Amino acid sequence: MKTSASPFFLAVGYHKPHIPFRYPKEFQKLYPLENITLAPDPQVPAGLPPVAYNPWMDIRWREDVQALNLSVPYGPIPADFQRKIRQSYFACVSYLDTQVGHLLSALDALQLAGSTVVVLTSDHGWALGEHGEWAKYSNFDVTTRVPLVFYVPGRTAPLPAAGDKLFPYLDPFDSISESVEPGRQAGDLVELLSLFPTLAGLAGLRVPPRCPIPSFHVELCREGRNLLKHFQVRDSEEDPYVRGNPRELVAYSQYPRPADCPQWNSDKPSLKDIKVMGYSIRTVDYRYTVWVGFSPREFLANFSDVHAGELYFVASDPWQDHNMYNDSQGGALPRPLTP
């Protein structure tokens, strides 16, 4: 790559943090077990609809968890075992961090750091005991939110001077390792759908038009918003969808269930078994989810067949522990929720 003038694109996937939690044991030293706390809300919320609960069956089927003889579906993992899981997850994240560090250092070594856009993200989050849940199979923020970090040469950081390293490797076990200035944070609500049009724009490519409905006849189109405004790219056309009040921005998610109550395949139902679908709207102010009947044959949701709902307000309930959906049915919903 160093000697080639051709553009390149690399999609580098790391398996960690992911079960099974296998990693170099020395990373546990970064997180002494006696310092590991439980999730801030380890109990199943009283107002959580049964259909919304993830019984984390893929975790229960592991031999070490089966040996705990937990009751299904709500039986909690003992506190000391929870701490071990959380310790291993944190250790896996730090191990992954070192691997990303080696990759970024290679850009410096190849003298490509000044001309390469880098994005760090993930496909999903992971519950670590929040709401009495584990793994990823729900609509809670802890499972749907992901990191989204951009490095754009000359935009998010100054271009490195000749001989300087933009990505020096930082050893997590080196107590005197140099510190790094934190990057700029953007408070807008965004979706991973925006990754494609944004990367296309940053690479100087034509950003495809938004997909029509239906879009089967269109060869190339895109969903999501072009986020170039965050990188002060003035020579690119502004996406009209980024104008307006940030409180109008919305992120969507959904998750299927085979029944209204937790059962053995609630976390990963096959398509033919899906009977209920949970559709979520997330704004900067609230998360609203409605669980409705779903036909796997027609692949259609029936929004007149409402099984349950969830409504959490971010300012007063950031951990999403107090479901206000039933309270809201007798009064006015927030304006963005009304037709």
Protein backbone atom coordinates (compact mmCIF):
# COMPACT_ATOMS: atom_id res chain seq x y z
CA MET A 1 0.00 0.00 0.00
CA LYS A 2 2.81 2.40 0.83
CA THR A 3 4.16 2.27 -2.71
CA SER A 4 0.80 2.22 -4.45
CA ALA A 5 -1.11 5.34 -5.42
CA SER A 6 -4.36 3.42 -5.80
CA PRO A 7 -7.18 4.13 -3.32
CA PHE A 8 -8.00 1.30 -0.95
CA PHE A 9 -10.83 0.27 1.34
CA LEU A 10 -10.43 -2.11 4.27
CA ALA A 11 -13.27 -3.46 6.39
CA VAL A 12 -11.55 -4.97 9.43
CA GLY A 13 -13.74 -7.00 11.76
CA TYR A 14 -12.76 -8.05 15.27
CA HIS A 15 -14.55 -10.89 17.04
CA LYS A 16 -14.02 -9.50 20.53
CA PRO A 17 -15.71 -8.57 22.74
CA HIS A 18 -17.90 -11.59 22.07
CA ILE A 19 -18.72 -14.83 23.80
CA PRO A 20 -16.87 -16.99 24.58
CA PHE A 21 -14.75 -14.50 26.52
CA ARG A 22 -11.31 -15.79 25.61
CA TYR A 23 -8.45 -13.31 25.83
CA PRO A 24 -4.90 -13.04 27.20
CA LYS A 25 -5.28 -13.46 30.95
CA GLU A 26 -3.05 -10.49 31.79
CA PHE A 27 -5.85 -8.15 30.72
CA GLN A 28 -7.76 -9.15 33.84
CA LYS A 29 -5.15 -7.20 35.80
CA LEU A 30 -6.61 -4.00 34.38
CA TYR A 31 -9.91 -4.79 36.10
CA PRO A 32 -9.40 -6.31 39.57
CA LEU A 33 -12.45 -8.35 40.48
CA GLU A 34 -12.83 -6.54 43.80
CA ASN A 35 -13.33 -3.29 41.87
CA ILE A 36 -16.02 -4.63 39.54
CA THR A 37 -19.51 -3.36 40.29
CA LEU A 38 -22.87 -4.72 39.20
CA ALA A 39 -25.02 -3.00 36.61
CA PRO A 40 -26.68 0.14 37.98
CA ASP A 41 -30.12 -1.45 37.47
CA PRO A 42 -29.71 -5.24 37.77
CA GLN A 43 -33.39 -5.96 38.45
CA VAL A 44 -36.07 -6.61 35.83
CA PRO A 45 -38.15 -3.38 35.76
CA ALA A 46 -41.59 -3.83 37.28
CA GLY A 47 -43.31 -2.18 34.32
CA LEU A 48 -41.48 -4.09 31.60
CA PRO A 49 -43.92 -6.00 29.34
CA PRO A 50 -43.07 -9.73 29.25
CA VAL A 51 -42.75 -9.59 25.46
CA ALA A 52 -39.97 -7.02 25.78
CA TYR A 53 -37.85 -9.14 28.10
CA ASN A 54 -34.85 -10.98 26.67
CA PRO A 55 -34.38 -14.29 28.57
CA TRP A 56 -30.78 -14.54 27.25
CA MET A 57 -31.13 -18.22 26.38
CA ASP A 58 -27.86 -18.29 24.43
CA ILE A 59 -26.10 -17.45 27.70
CA ARG A 60 -28.16 -19.91 29.74
CA TRP A 61 -27.17 -22.77 27.43
CA ARG A 62 -23.48 -22.32 28.23
CA GLU A 63 -22.17 -25.08 30.51
CA ASP A 64 -20.85 -22.73 33.18
CA VAL A 65 -24.20 -20.92 33.38
CA GLN A 66 -26.20 -24.16 33.31
CA ALA A 67 -24.21 -25.28 36.35
CA LEU A 68 -25.73 -22.34 38.27
CA ASN A 69 -29.17 -24.01 37.98
CA LEU A 70 -31.00 -20.74 37.33
CA SER A 71 -34.76 -20.53 37.03
CA VAL A 72 -36.12 -19.58 33.60
CA PRO A 73 -36.86 -16.97 32.39
CA TYR A 74 -36.22 -14.39 35.12
CA GLY A 75 -33.83 -16.19 37.47
CA PRO A 76 -30.90 -13.83 38.09
CA ILE A 77 -27.24 -14.76 37.87
CA PRO A 78 -25.54 -14.71 41.31
CA ALA A 79 -23.78 -11.41 42.00
CA ASP A 80 -20.27 -12.89 42.19
CA PHE A 81 -20.73 -14.58 38.80
CA GLN A 82 -22.08 -11.34 37.32
CA ARG A 83 -18.89 -9.59 38.38
CA LYS A 84 -16.78 -12.25 36.65
CA ILE A 85 -18.75 -11.82 33.41
CA ARG A 86 -18.38 -8.05 33.56
CA GLN A 87 -14.67 -8.32 34.34
CA SER A 88 -14.13 -10.58 31.33
CA TYR A 89 -16.13 -8.29 29.05
CA PHE A 90 -14.09 -5.26 30.11
CA ALA A 91 -10.87 -7.24 29.65
CA CYS A 92 -11.99 -8.27 26.15
CA VAL A 93 -12.66 -4.63 25.27
CA SER A 94 -9.17 -3.62 26.39
CA TYR A 95 -7.65 -6.50 24.45
CA LEU A 96 -9.57 -5.36 21.36
CA ASP A 97 -8.36 -1.82 21.99
CA THR A 98 -4.74 -2.96 21.71
CA GLN A 99 -5.48 -4.69 18.40
CA VAL A 100 -7.04 -1.52 17.02
CA GLY A 101 -3.99 0.35 18.27
CA HIS A 102 -1.66 -1.94 16.31
CA LEU A 103 -3.76 -1.44 13.17
CA LEU A 104 -3.71 2.35 13.47
CA SER A 105 0.02 2.36 14.17
CA ALA A 106 0.48 0.54 10.87
CA LEU A 107 -1.03 3.56 9.10
CA ASP A 108 1.75 5.67 10.60
CA ALA A 109 4.39 3.13 9.63
CA LEU A 110 3.10 3.09 6.04
CA GLN A 111 2.81 6.91 5.97
CA LEU A 112 -0.91 6.63 5.24
CA ALA A 113 -2.31 8.32 8.36
CA GLY A 114 -2.50 11.68 6.61
CA SER A 115 -4.64 10.39 3.75
CA THR A 116 -6.86 7.68 5.25
CA VAL A 117 -10.32 8.09 6.76
CA VAL A 118 -10.89 5.76 9.72
CA VAL A 119 -14.21 4.79 11.28
CA LEU A 120 -14.59 2.68 14.42
CA THR A 121 -18.03 1.24 15.06
CA SER A 122 -19.88 -1.95 16.00
CA ASP A 123 -22.95 -3.89 14.93
CA HIS A 124 -24.71 -3.88 18.31
CA GLY A 125 -24.32 -3.28 22.02
CA TRP A 126 -24.44 -5.86 24.81
CA ALA A 127 -26.31 -5.97 28.10
CA LEU A 128 -24.19 -6.73 31.15
CA GLY A 129 -26.92 -7.28 33.69
CA GLU A 130 -28.92 -4.10 33.05
CA HIS A 131 -32.66 -4.77 33.50
CA GLY A 132 -31.76 -8.31 34.56
CA GLU A 133 -30.71 -9.06 30.97
CA TRP A 134 -27.57 -10.26 29.23
CA ALA A 135 -26.49 -10.28 25.56
CA LYS A 136 -28.06 -8.23 22.77
CA TYR A 137 -31.58 -9.40 21.98
CA SER A 138 -33.75 -6.42 22.92
CA ASN A 139 -34.65 -2.83 22.06
CA PHE A 140 -32.99 -1.29 25.11
CA ASP A 141 -30.38 1.38 24.40
CA VAL A 142 -27.68 -0.74 26.00
CA THR A 143 -28.03 -3.24 23.14
CA THR A 144 -28.85 -0.93 20.23
CA ARG A 145 -26.34 1.87 20.83
CA VAL A 146 -22.84 1.49 19.41
CA PRO A 147 -19.63 3.51 19.27
CA LEU A 148 -19.21 5.66 16.16
CA VAL A 149 -15.80 7.33 15.96
CA PHE A 150 -14.44 9.11 12.88
CA TYR A 151 -10.91 10.18 12.04
CA VAL A 152 -10.83 12.45 8.99
CA PRO A 153 -7.36 13.78 8.07
CA GLY A 154 -7.15 17.52 8.50
CA ARG A 155 -10.73 17.70 9.79
CA THR A 156 -10.94 15.87 13.09
CA ALA A 157 -7.21 16.27 13.76
CA PRO A 158 -4.39 18.30 12.16
CA LEU A 159 -2.35 16.55 9.51
CA PRO A 160 0.80 15.01 11.02
CA ALA A 161 4.07 16.78 10.36
CA ALA A 162 6.83 14.89 8.59
CA GLY A 163 8.14 12.20 10.90
CA ASP A 164 5.36 12.65 13.47
CA LYS A 165 3.12 9.79 14.50
CA LEU A 166 -0.59 10.43 14.58
CA PHE A 167 -1.42 7.02 16.09
CA PRO A 168 1.38 6.09 18.50
CA TYR A 169 0.69 2.75 20.14
CA LEU A 170 -0.31 3.13 23.80
CA ASP A 171 0.46 0.15 25.99
CA PRO A 172 -2.39 -0.32 28.53
CA PHE A 173 0.09 -1.90 30.95
CA ASP A 174 2.47 1.07 30.80
CA SER A 175 1.57 3.39 33.67
CA ILE A 176 3.64 6.22 32.18
CA SER A 177 2.16 5.92 28.70
CA GLU A 178 1.47 9.30 27.15
CA SER A 179 -2.05 10.65 27.31
CA VAL A 180 -4.18 11.49 24.29
CA GLU A 181 -6.42 14.51 23.96
CA PRO A 182 -10.08 13.51 23.64
CA GLY A 183 -11.78 14.14 20.34
CA ARG A 184 -14.76 16.36 19.67
CA GLN A 185 -18.16 14.89 20.44
CA ALA A 186 -21.30 15.47 18.39
CA GLY A 187 -24.63 15.33 20.19
CA ASP A 188 -26.78 14.53 17.17
CA LEU A 189 -28.69 11.27 17.03
CA VAL A 190 -27.41 9.21 14.09
CA GLU A 191 -27.81 5.72 12.66
CA LEU A 192 -25.31 3.36 11.08
CA LEU A 193 -27.33 3.75 7.88
CA SER A 194 -25.56 7.09 7.59
CA LEU A 195 -22.14 5.46 7.38
CA PHE A 196 -22.34 4.70 3.64
CA PRO A 197 -23.33 8.16 2.35
CA THR A 198 -20.93 9.86 4.77
CA LEU A 199 -17.93 7.75 3.75
CA ALA A 200 -18.80 8.24 0.09
CA GLY A 201 -18.84 12.00 0.59
CA LEU A 202 -15.59 12.03 2.57
CA ALA A 203 -13.92 9.99 -0.17
CA GLY A 204 -14.99 12.53 -2.78
CA LEU A 205 -17.45 10.15 -4.41
CA ARG A 206 -20.93 11.01 -5.56
CA VAL A 207 -23.37 10.34 -2.74
CA PRO A 208 -26.18 8.16 -4.13
CA PRO A 209 -29.74 9.53 -3.95
CA ARG A 210 -32.07 8.41 -1.20
CA CYS A 211 -33.94 5.20 -1.90
CA PRO A 212 -37.51 5.58 -3.16
CA ILE A 213 -40.31 3.35 -1.89
CA PRO A 214 -40.24 0.73 -3.30
CA SER A 215 -36.59 0.67 -4.36
CA PHE A 216 -36.29 -2.75 -6.02
CA HIS A 217 -35.94 -1.15 -9.47
CA VAL A 218 -33.10 1.19 -8.41
CA GLU A 219 -29.55 -0.04 -9.01
CA LEU A 220 -27.89 2.14 -6.37
CA CYS A 221 -29.46 4.25 -3.64
CA ARG A 222 -29.00 4.84 0.05
CA GLU A 223 -30.77 5.28 3.34
CA GLY A 224 -29.42 7.35 6.19
CA ARG A 225 -28.18 10.93 6.31
CA ASN A 226 -25.00 12.44 4.94
CA LEU A 227 -23.08 13.59 8.03
CA LEU A 228 -20.50 15.73 6.24
CA LYS A 229 -21.59 18.81 8.17
CA HIS A 230 -19.83 17.38 11.24
CA PHE A 231 -16.50 17.47 9.40
CA GLN A 232 -16.81 21.00 8.00
CA VAL A 233 -16.69 19.82 4.41
CA ARG A 234 -17.95 22.95 2.68
CA ASP A 235 -17.35 21.85 -0.90
CA SER A 236 -19.99 19.14 -0.70
CA GLU A 237 -23.72 19.50 -1.13
CA GLU A 238 -25.53 19.66 2.19
CA ASP A 239 -27.98 16.87 2.88
CA PRO A 240 -31.38 18.57 3.39
CA TYR A 241 -32.26 15.90 5.95
CA VAL A 242 -29.73 17.31 8.44
CA ARG A 243 -31.38 20.72 8.59
CA GLY A 244 -33.87 21.69 11.24
CA ASN A 245 -34.24 21.00 14.93
CA PRO A 246 -31.91 18.25 16.26
CA ARG A 247 -34.81 17.13 18.43
CA GLU A 248 -36.59 16.02 15.27
CA LEU A 249 -33.87 13.47 14.51
CA VAL A 250 -35.00 9.88 14.99
CA ALA A 251 -33.26 6.49 15.12
CA TYR A 252 -35.18 3.27 14.55
CA SER A 253 -34.69 -0.28 15.74
CA GLN A 254 -36.77 -3.43 15.89
CA TYR A 255 -36.63 -6.89 17.40
CA PRO A 256 -38.81 -9.99 16.87
CA ARG A 257 -40.45 -12.26 19.41
CA PRO A 258 -42.20 -15.63 18.97
CA ALA A 259 -44.75 -14.99 21.73
CA ASP A 260 -45.98 -12.47 24.28
CA CYS A 261 -44.16 -14.21 27.12
CA PRO A 262 -40.49 -15.25 27.30
CA GLN A 263 -39.77 -18.76 26.05
CA TRP A 264 -36.83 -20.86 24.86
CA ASN A 265 -36.51 -19.12 21.46
CA SER A 266 -37.45 -15.56 22.45
CA ASP A 267 -33.97 -14.22 21.86
CA LYS A 268 -33.40 -15.75 18.41
CA PRO A 269 -36.69 -16.89 16.83
CA SER A 270 -36.60 -18.26 13.30
CA LEU A 271 -38.58 -16.29 10.72
CA LYS A 272 -41.48 -18.75 10.65
CA ASP A 273 -41.89 -18.46 14.43
CA ILE A 274 -42.07 -14.66 14.64
CA LYS A 275 -45.49 -13.61 15.92
CA VAL A 276 -44.72 -10.19 17.45
CA MET A 277 -42.38 -7.40 16.35
CA GLY A 278 -41.14 -4.60 18.56
CA TYR A 279 -40.60 -1.33 16.67
CA SER A 280 -38.69 1.42 18.46
CA ILE A 281 -38.35 5.15 17.89
CA ARG A 282 -35.44 6.80 19.68
CA THR A 283 -35.11 10.58 19.90
CA VAL A 284 -32.91 12.73 22.13
CA ASP A 285 -35.85 12.96 24.54
CA TYR A 286 -37.42 9.51 24.69
CA ARG A 287 -37.51 5.90 23.50
CA TYR A 288 -40.91 4.65 22.36
CA THR A 289 -41.53 1.00 21.45
CA VAL A 290 -44.72 -0.66 20.30
CA TRP A 291 -45.02 -4.45 20.13
CA VAL A 292 -47.46 -5.45 17.38
CA GLY A 293 -48.65 -8.56 15.60
CA PHE A 294 -46.42 -9.71 12.75
CA SER A 295 -47.00 -12.06 9.81
CA PRO A 296 -43.80 -13.89 8.79
CA ARG A 297 -45.47 -15.13 5.60
CA GLU A 298 -46.31 -11.64 4.30
CA PHE A 299 -43.48 -10.01 6.26
CA LEU A 300 -45.94 -7.38 7.43
CA ALA A 301 -46.69 -5.79 10.79
CA ASN A 302 -50.24 -5.13 11.94
CA PHE A 303 -50.12 -1.85 13.86
CA SER A 304 -53.77 -2.17 14.83
CA ASP A 305 -52.85 -5.31 16.79
CA VAL A 306 -50.90 -3.78 19.68
CA HIS A 307 -49.63 -6.30 22.23
CA ALA A 308 -47.65 -3.97 24.50
CA GLY A 309 -45.74 -0.71 24.58
CA GLU A 310 -42.80 1.02 26.22
CA LEU A 311 -42.10 4.71 26.77
CA TYR A 312 -39.03 6.03 28.58
CA PHE A 313 -37.98 9.66 28.99
CA VAL A 314 -34.23 10.20 28.74
CA ALA A 315 -33.91 13.18 31.07
CA SER A 316 -35.71 11.61 34.04
CA ASP A 317 -35.01 7.93 33.30
CA PRO A 318 -31.69 7.53 31.44
CA TRP A 319 -31.43 3.81 32.26
CA GLN A 320 -34.96 3.12 30.94
CA ASP A 321 -36.29 1.51 34.11
CA HIS A 322 -39.69 3.22 34.42
CA ASN A 323 -42.09 2.42 31.60
CA MET A 324 -44.56 5.28 31.16
CA TYR A 325 -46.50 3.75 28.26
CA ASN A 326 -49.63 2.79 30.20
CA ASP A 327 -49.64 6.13 32.02
CA SER A 328 -49.52 7.94 28.69
CA GLN A 329 -52.54 6.14 27.24
CA GLY A 330 -54.97 8.21 29.27
CA GLY A 331 -53.31 11.51 28.47
CA ALA A 332 -51.41 13.28 25.77
CA LEU A 333 -48.39 11.64 24.22
CA PRO A 334 -45.35 13.79 23.45
CA ARG A 335 -46.04 15.73 20.26
CA PRO A 336 -43.53 13.75 18.12
CA LEU A 337 -45.46 10.54 18.93
CA THR A 338 -48.83 11.79 17.77
CA PRO A 339 -49.92 11.36 14.13
